[in-house]
């Protein structure tokens, strides 16, 4: 298994300028690469301060020449918002910019407001995404391709730029729903799910649901990689940890606000409205790998053992968390937390249920 850095690139305040957020994100990714993180993830969102990057593939192209080894993933591209020929070409070109380090994460989206502005109804986005996964899995890397479906109709088309990765970049699927779990089965795609800031037991329940979906489909759950998304911050300063948790709660509030299905908004800067049953900053601290290195390692080891996660993507910055504090957190994660985790579970390369399932019985 490995760890990833998840770059939401949100703007809690107008003082967080676009150039500054971009520059700080690049510095954090470079620090994560040095610390031993395996993947840097970029989101796609539109029209609000929840997340400012409208094109994860553009961020891949920007970060690629400023890094060397870390894989660059989209979490996620919303394919329903694209023209088919354009996205095929963009992905192939981005893999070349990334020198073969691109991972294509796909999802259907959940924000009705942003989908509506591209002419997509939230109720139909899941079905559209299902067809897109077929389209991309068949078309990526082809010199000549055509596709005729319900939502996508591409006549025979030539593509002169092919991805560096053969036959194509790896596809990941994001989401917690049974539909997302089914999509992962289409091509043995890794699934990445979120526990929405809750504890390892919550993630274990989500994993159990995915396992049942896959068993019902006649598949061994251990044969498909399972990843998670979590808040994480390394600090010995309790006040600093609580401030990070409060920023995490602000992000949960924005996400909750956008999940109401509204197709109109009063303003692009969203209200941080409390909602029934929401977590307190203290809850977030108690349930997530936030705190000193020993606490962070203990909670991630708990997840690895209870969930069998093969990849854990970490929000290392959220809200208005101080950039220098984030940089210290990333560096300490690599220098202090990872060795503690490996002391408990062994080498990371052999941790996680997928890795364990591939080890020959004689070697166990």
Protein backbone atom coordinates (compact mmCIF):
# COMPACT_ATOMS: atom_id res chain seq x y z
CA UNK A 1 0.00 0.00 0.00
CA UNK A 2 1.01 3.61 -0.23
CA UNK A 3 -0.08 7.12 0.72
CA UNK A 4 -1.30 9.98 -1.42
CA UNK A 5 -1.65 13.73 -0.95
CA UNK A 6 -5.11 15.05 -1.84
CA UNK A 7 -5.17 18.60 -3.19
CA UNK A 8 -8.68 20.06 -2.84
CA UNK A 9 -7.33 23.59 -3.41
CA UNK A 10 -10.27 25.25 -1.71
CA UNK A 11 -10.45 28.92 -0.77
CA UNK A 12 -11.96 29.53 2.63
CA UNK A 13 -11.25 33.25 2.44
CA UNK A 14 -10.84 35.71 -0.44
CA UNK A 15 -7.35 36.51 0.89
CA UNK A 16 -6.28 33.06 -0.35
CA UNK A 17 -5.45 34.22 -3.86
CA UNK A 18 -5.43 31.84 -6.80
CA UNK A 19 -1.69 32.26 -7.53
CA UNK A 20 -0.81 31.67 -3.88
CA UNK A 21 -2.94 28.53 -3.61
CA UNK A 22 -1.39 27.15 -6.80
CA UNK A 23 2.17 27.89 -5.66
CA UNK A 24 1.60 26.46 -2.18
CA UNK A 25 0.03 23.34 -3.66
CA UNK A 26 3.10 22.74 -5.83
CA UNK A 27 5.42 23.16 -2.85
CA UNK A 28 3.34 20.72 -0.79
CA UNK A 29 3.40 18.12 -3.58
CA UNK A 30 7.16 18.45 -3.92
CA UNK A 31 7.51 17.95 -0.16
CA UNK A 32 5.19 14.92 -0.34
CA UNK A 33 7.28 13.40 -3.12
CA UNK A 34 10.42 13.79 -1.01
CA UNK A 35 8.59 12.31 1.99
CA UNK A 36 7.72 9.16 0.06
CA UNK A 37 4.10 9.72 -0.94
CA UNK A 38 3.07 7.66 -3.97
CA UNK A 39 0.32 9.75 -5.62
CA UNK A 40 -0.73 13.39 -5.79
CA UNK A 41 -4.47 13.79 -6.47
CA UNK A 42 -6.22 16.77 -8.13
CA UNK A 43 -9.94 17.47 -8.00
CA UNK A 44 -12.42 18.88 -10.50
CA UNK A 45 -15.04 21.34 -9.27
CA UNK A 46 -16.61 24.45 -10.69
CA UNK A 47 -18.12 27.80 -9.77
CA UNK A 48 -17.66 27.94 -5.94
CA UNK A 49 -14.93 28.38 -3.36
CA UNK A 50 -15.30 24.71 -2.37
CA UNK A 51 -12.50 23.93 -4.85
CA UNK A 52 -10.94 26.24 -7.37
CA UNK A 53 -9.35 23.86 -9.92
CA UNK A 54 -11.74 23.28 -12.85
CA UNK A 55 -9.34 20.94 -14.66
CA UNK A 56 -7.32 18.27 -12.84
CA UNK A 57 -5.55 17.40 -16.10
CA UNK A 58 -4.36 21.00 -16.34
CA UNK A 59 -2.92 20.69 -12.83
CA UNK A 60 -1.22 17.44 -13.85
CA UNK A 61 0.41 19.29 -16.75
CA UNK A 62 1.49 22.12 -14.45
CA UNK A 63 2.94 19.93 -11.70
CA UNK A 64 4.54 17.27 -13.93
CA UNK A 65 7.74 19.18 -14.83
CA UNK A 66 8.11 20.29 -11.20
CA UNK A 67 8.21 16.72 -9.86
CA UNK A 68 10.14 13.55 -10.69
CA UNK A 69 8.60 10.34 -9.33
CA UNK A 70 5.25 10.90 -7.68
CA UNK A 71 2.27 9.71 -9.72
CA UNK A 72 -0.25 12.39 -10.68
CA UNK A 73 -3.90 11.44 -10.42
CA UNK A 74 -7.27 13.00 -11.12
CA UNK A 75 -9.70 12.70 -8.21
CA UNK A 76 -11.71 13.01 -10.18
CA UNK A 77 -12.33 13.89 -13.78
CA UNK A 78 -16.10 14.22 -14.25
CA UNK A 79 -16.30 12.73 -17.76
CA UNK A 80 -19.97 13.61 -18.23
CA UNK A 81 -18.89 17.26 -18.57
CA UNK A 82 -16.57 16.61 -21.54
CA UNK A 83 -16.70 16.08 -25.28
CA UNK A 84 -15.59 12.49 -25.99
CA UNK A 85 -12.87 13.18 -28.55
CA UNK A 86 -11.50 16.04 -26.46
CA UNK A 87 -11.13 13.97 -23.28
CA UNK A 88 -9.45 11.06 -25.09
CA UNK A 89 -6.89 13.45 -26.52
CA UNK A 90 -6.40 15.37 -23.28
CA UNK A 91 -5.72 12.21 -21.26
CA UNK A 92 -3.20 10.86 -23.76
CA UNK A 93 -1.41 14.21 -23.93
CA UNK A 94 -1.42 14.60 -20.12
CA UNK A 95 0.23 11.19 -19.74
CA UNK A 96 3.00 12.41 -22.03
CA UNK A 97 3.38 15.62 -20.02
CA UNK A 98 3.58 13.47 -16.88
CA UNK A 99 6.12 11.12 -18.53
CA UNK A 100 3.89 8.13 -17.87
CA UNK A 101 2.89 9.03 -14.29
CA UNK A 102 -0.79 9.79 -14.91
CA UNK A 103 -3.62 8.00 -13.07
CA UNK A 104 -7.15 8.66 -14.36
CA UNK A 105 -9.63 8.81 -11.50
CA UNK A 106 -13.26 8.98 -12.65
CA UNK A 107 -16.50 9.86 -10.88
CA UNK A 108 -20.07 10.91 -11.59
CA UNK A 109 -20.17 14.01 -9.37
CA UNK A 110 -22.63 15.01 -6.69
CA UNK A 111 -23.09 18.77 -7.05
CA UNK A 112 -26.26 19.44 -9.01
CA UNK A 113 -25.39 23.11 -9.42
CA UNK A 114 -22.15 22.52 -11.31
CA UNK A 115 -23.52 19.63 -13.37
CA UNK A 116 -26.53 21.70 -14.46
CA UNK A 117 -24.25 24.37 -15.93
CA UNK A 118 -22.86 21.75 -18.30
CA UNK A 119 -26.33 20.58 -19.27
CA UNK A 120 -26.20 17.44 -17.08
CA UNK A 121 -28.97 16.36 -14.72
CA UNK A 122 -27.64 14.92 -11.45
CA UNK A 123 -30.18 12.08 -11.68
CA UNK A 124 -28.67 10.97 -15.00
CA UNK A 125 -24.97 11.56 -14.28
CA UNK A 126 -24.39 8.06 -12.90
CA UNK A 127 -25.69 6.32 -16.02
CA UNK A 128 -23.70 8.70 -18.24
CA UNK A 129 -20.54 7.94 -16.27
CA UNK A 130 -21.09 4.18 -16.66
CA UNK A 131 -21.01 4.60 -20.43
CA UNK A 132 -18.00 6.91 -20.23
CA UNK A 133 -16.01 4.25 -18.40
CA UNK A 134 -16.72 1.82 -21.23
CA UNK A 135 -15.75 4.49 -23.75
CA UNK A 136 -12.46 5.41 -22.08
CA UNK A 137 -11.42 1.85 -21.29
CA UNK A 138 -11.93 0.89 -24.94
CA UNK A 139 -10.63 4.06 -26.58
CA UNK A 140 -7.56 5.16 -24.60
CA UNK A 141 -4.42 4.24 -26.50
CA UNK A 142 -6.18 3.42 -29.77
CA UNK A 143 -4.94 5.00 -33.00
CA UNK A 144 -8.36 4.61 -34.60
CA UNK A 145 -11.55 4.46 -32.56
CA UNK A 146 -15.31 4.80 -32.85
CA UNK A 147 -18.05 4.35 -30.28
CA UNK A 148 -21.83 4.39 -30.52
CA UNK A 149 -23.77 4.41 -27.26
CA UNK A 150 -26.77 6.07 -25.68
CA UNK A 151 -24.88 9.18 -24.54
CA UNK A 152 -21.68 9.07 -26.60
CA UNK A 153 -21.55 8.87 -30.38
CA UNK A 154 -18.07 9.16 -31.83
CA UNK A 155 -17.53 8.42 -35.52
CA UNK A 156 -14.30 6.75 -36.62
CA UNK A 157 -11.55 9.10 -35.45
CA UNK A 158 -7.75 9.03 -35.73
CA UNK A 159 -5.57 9.83 -32.71
CA UNK A 160 -1.91 10.63 -33.36
CA UNK A 161 -0.93 11.10 -29.70
CA UNK A 162 -0.91 7.91 -27.67
CA UNK A 163 -0.26 7.69 -23.93
CA UNK A 164 3.18 6.66 -22.73
CA UNK A 165 1.68 3.97 -20.49
CA UNK A 166 0.73 0.88 -22.47
CA UNK A 167 -1.92 0.03 -23.18
CA UNK A 168 -3.27 3.04 -21.24
CA UNK A 169 -3.01 4.91 -17.92
CA UNK A 170 -4.55 3.14 -14.96
CA UNK A 171 -8.18 4.03 -14.27
CA UNK A 172 -9.47 4.44 -10.71
CA UNK A 173 -13.11 4.79 -9.63
CA UNK A 174 -14.21 7.16 -6.86
CA UNK A 175 -17.34 6.81 -4.76
CA UNK A 176 -19.04 4.99 -1.92
CA UNK A 177 -22.21 3.84 -3.67
CA UNK A 178 -22.99 0.34 -4.95
CA UNK A 179 -22.92 1.89 -8.43
CA UNK A 180 -19.33 3.00 -7.92
CA UNK A 181 -18.45 -0.42 -6.54
CA UNK A 182 -19.94 -2.02 -9.65
CA UNK A 183 -17.95 0.33 -11.88
CA UNK A 184 -14.73 -0.88 -10.27
CA UNK A 185 -15.58 -4.37 -11.48
CA UNK A 186 -15.67 -3.27 -15.11
CA UNK A 187 -11.91 -3.49 -15.39
CA UNK A 188 -10.59 -4.45 -11.96
CA UNK A 189 -10.24 -0.74 -11.30
CA UNK A 190 -9.12 0.39 -7.84
CA UNK A 191 -11.94 1.97 -5.84
CA UNK A 192 -11.34 5.01 -3.61
CA UNK A 193 -13.97 5.86 -1.00
CA UNK A 194 -14.35 8.44 1.74
CA UNK A 195 -15.52 8.09 5.32
CA UNK A 196 -16.45 11.80 5.39
CA UNK A 197 -14.08 12.46 8.28
CA UNK A 198 -15.25 9.63 10.52
CA UNK A 199 -13.29 6.78 12.08
CA UNK A 200 -11.73 3.53 10.91
CA UNK A 201 -14.84 1.59 11.95
CA UNK A 202 -16.89 3.69 9.51
CA UNK A 203 -14.40 2.90 6.74
CA UNK A 204 -14.56 -0.79 7.68
CA UNK A 205 -18.36 -0.69 7.20
CA UNK A 206 -17.92 0.92 3.78
CA UNK A 207 -15.35 -1.73 2.86
CA UNK A 208 -17.70 -4.49 4.02
CA UNK A 209 -20.43 -3.10 1.75
CA UNK A 210 -18.05 -3.08 -1.21
CA UNK A 211 -16.94 -6.61 -0.40
CA UNK A 212 -20.55 -7.80 -0.43
CA UNK A 213 -21.21 -6.08 -3.77
CA UNK A 214 -18.18 -7.77 -5.28
CA UNK A 215 -18.96 -11.20 -3.80
CA UNK A 216 -22.50 -10.98 -5.17
CA UNK A 217 -20.95 -10.34 -8.59
CA UNK A 218 -18.85 -13.47 -8.18
CA UNK A 219 -15.57 -11.67 -7.49
CA UNK A 220 -12.98 -12.05 -4.77
CA UNK A 221 -12.97 -8.72 -2.87
CA UNK A 222 -9.25 -9.05 -2.21
CA UNK A 223 -8.56 -9.00 -5.94
CA UNK A 224 -9.58 -5.33 -6.25
CA UNK A 225 -7.57 -2.50 -4.71
CA UNK A 226 -9.42 -0.38 -2.15
CA UNK A 227 -8.36 3.14 -1.22
CA UNK A 228 -9.65 5.74 1.23
CA UNK A 229 -9.58 9.50 1.75
CA UNK A 230 -8.84 10.94 5.21
CA UNK A 231 -7.91 14.10 7.07
CA UNK A 232 -4.35 14.01 8.37
CA UNK A 233 -2.09 16.51 10.12
CA UNK A 234 1.11 15.94 12.07
CA UNK A 235 1.78 18.33 14.94
CA UNK A 236 2.67 18.28 18.63
CA UNK A 237 0.74 21.53 19.15
CA UNK A 238 -2.78 20.76 20.37
CA UNK A 239 -4.07 24.19 19.40
CA UNK A 240 -2.66 23.76 15.89
CA UNK A 241 -4.28 20.33 15.60
CA UNK A 242 -7.64 21.71 16.74
CA UNK A 243 -7.40 24.57 14.23
CA UNK A 244 -6.80 22.03 11.45
CA UNK A 245 -9.82 20.01 12.61
CA UNK A 246 -11.96 23.17 12.61
CA UNK A 247 -10.89 23.83 9.00
CA UNK A 248 -11.82 20.24 8.16
CA UNK A 249 -15.28 20.81 9.64
CA UNK A 250 -15.66 23.91 7.47
CA UNK A 251 -14.99 21.79 4.38
CA UNK A 252 -17.53 19.18 5.51
CA UNK A 253 -20.09 21.95 5.91
CA UNK A 254 -19.51 23.21 2.37
CA UNK A 255 -19.76 19.69 0.99
CA UNK A 256 -22.96 19.07 2.93
CA UNK A 257 -24.43 22.33 1.65
CA UNK A 258 -23.70 21.32 -1.96
CA UNK A 259 -25.28 17.87 -1.48
CA UNK A 260 -28.79 19.29 -1.16
CA UNK A 261 -29.45 18.99 -4.88
CA UNK A 262 -29.89 22.72 -5.45
CA UNK A 263 -29.38 23.98 -9.00
CA UNK A 264 -29.18 27.66 -8.00
CA UNK A 265 -26.90 29.40 -5.51
CA UNK A 266 -27.11 32.86 -4.00
CA UNK A 267 -23.34 33.43 -4.16
CA UNK A 268 -20.12 31.60 -5.17
CA UNK A 269 -18.70 31.91 -1.62
CA UNK A 270 -20.65 29.25 0.20
CA UNK A 271 -22.04 29.57 3.73
CA UNK A 272 -20.43 27.41 6.41
CA UNK A 273 -23.76 26.29 7.81
CA UNK A 274 -24.00 23.86 10.70
CA UNK A 275 -26.23 20.83 10.06
CA UNK A 276 -27.90 18.22 12.22
CA UNK A 277 -25.57 15.48 13.38
CA UNK A 278 -22.40 17.21 12.19
CA UNK A 279 -19.03 16.38 13.69
CA UNK A 280 -17.38 18.76 16.12
CA UNK A 281 -13.70 19.64 15.69
CA UNK A 282 -13.08 17.42 18.73
CA UNK A 283 -14.80 14.51 16.94
CA UNK A 284 -12.60 15.03 13.90
CA UNK A 285 -9.52 15.06 16.13
CA UNK A 286 -10.59 11.85 17.87
CA UNK A 287 -11.45 9.92 14.70
CA UNK A 288 -8.70 10.96 12.30
CA UNK A 289 -4.90 10.71 12.07
CA UNK A 290 -4.32 14.18 13.52
CA UNK A 291 -1.80 14.95 16.25
CA UNK A 292 1.70 13.86 17.20
CA UNK A 293 3.51 11.23 15.07
CA UNK A 294 2.59 8.39 17.41
CA UNK A 295 -1.12 9.26 17.29
CA UNK A 296 -1.13 9.64 13.52
CA UNK A 297 0.67 6.33 13.02
CA UNK A 298 -1.60 4.51 15.48
CA UNK A 299 -4.78 5.60 13.66
CA UNK A 300 -3.43 4.74 10.23
CA UNK A 301 -2.27 1.34 11.46
CA UNK A 302 -5.78 0.83 12.83
CA UNK A 303 -7.20 1.53 9.37
CA UNK A 304 -4.75 -0.76 7.62
CA UNK A 305 -5.61 -3.58 10.00
CA UNK A 306 -9.41 -3.06 10.13
CA UNK A 307 -10.04 -1.99 6.54
CA UNK A 308 -7.12 -3.53 4.65
CA UNK A 309 -6.68 -0.29 2.70
CA UNK A 310 -4.28 -0.47 -0.22
CA UNK A 311 -4.00 3.29 -0.65
CA UNK A 312 -4.76 6.12 1.77
CA UNK A 313 -5.08 9.61 0.29
CA UNK A 314 -4.59 12.35 2.86
CA UNK A 315 -5.91 15.89 3.10
CA UNK A 316 -2.72 17.51 4.37
CA UNK A 317 -4.18 20.99 3.91
CA UNK A 318 -7.75 22.14 4.18
CA UNK A 319 -9.58 25.43 4.70
CA UNK A 320 -7.17 28.12 5.83
CA UNK A 321 -4.51 25.88 7.39
CA UNK A 322 -1.16 27.67 7.48
CA UNK A 323 1.09 26.66 4.60
CA UNK A 324 4.28 26.41 6.67
CA UNK A 325 2.49 24.22 9.21
CA UNK A 326 1.36 21.98 6.33
CA UNK A 327 4.92 21.71 5.04
CA UNK A 328 6.14 20.68 8.51
CA UNK A 329 3.34 18.11 8.73
CA UNK A 330 4.23 16.53 5.38
CA UNK A 331 7.93 16.34 6.20
CA UNK A 332 7.28 14.81 9.62
CA UNK A 333 4.89 12.29 8.08
CA UNK A 334 7.70 10.94 5.91
CA UNK A 335 10.43 11.23 8.52
CA UNK A 336 8.57 10.07 11.64
CA UNK A 337 5.13 8.60 10.87
CA UNK A 338 5.95 6.20 8.04
CA UNK A 339 8.70 4.40 10.02
CA UNK A 340 6.27 3.96 12.94
CA UNK A 341 3.65 2.48 10.62
CA UNK A 342 6.14 0.07 9.08
CA UNK A 343 7.28 -0.94 12.57
CA UNK A 344 3.71 -2.17 13.16
CA UNK A 345 2.64 -3.57 9.78
CA UNK A 346 5.95 -4.28 8.05
CA UNK A 347 7.05 -2.78 4.72
CA UNK A 348 4.28 -0.71 3.16
CA UNK A 349 4.67 -2.53 -0.16
CA UNK A 350 3.36 -5.68 1.50
CA UNK A 351 0.56 -4.10 3.54
CA UNK A 352 -3.11 -3.97 2.57
CA UNK A 353 -5.44 -6.80 1.62
CA UNK A 354 -4.67 -6.64 -2.12
CA UNK A 355 -0.92 -6.95 -1.55
CA UNK A 356 -1.44 -9.77 0.93
CA UNK A 357 -3.65 -11.65 -1.54
CA UNK A 358 -0.86 -11.61 -4.16
CA UNK A 359 1.81 -13.07 -1.89
CA UNK A 360 2.34 -16.79 -2.57
CA UNK A 361 1.16 -18.95 0.33
CA UNK A 362 4.66 -20.38 0.75
CA UNK A 363 6.06 -16.89 1.30
CA UNK A 364 3.59 -15.92 4.02
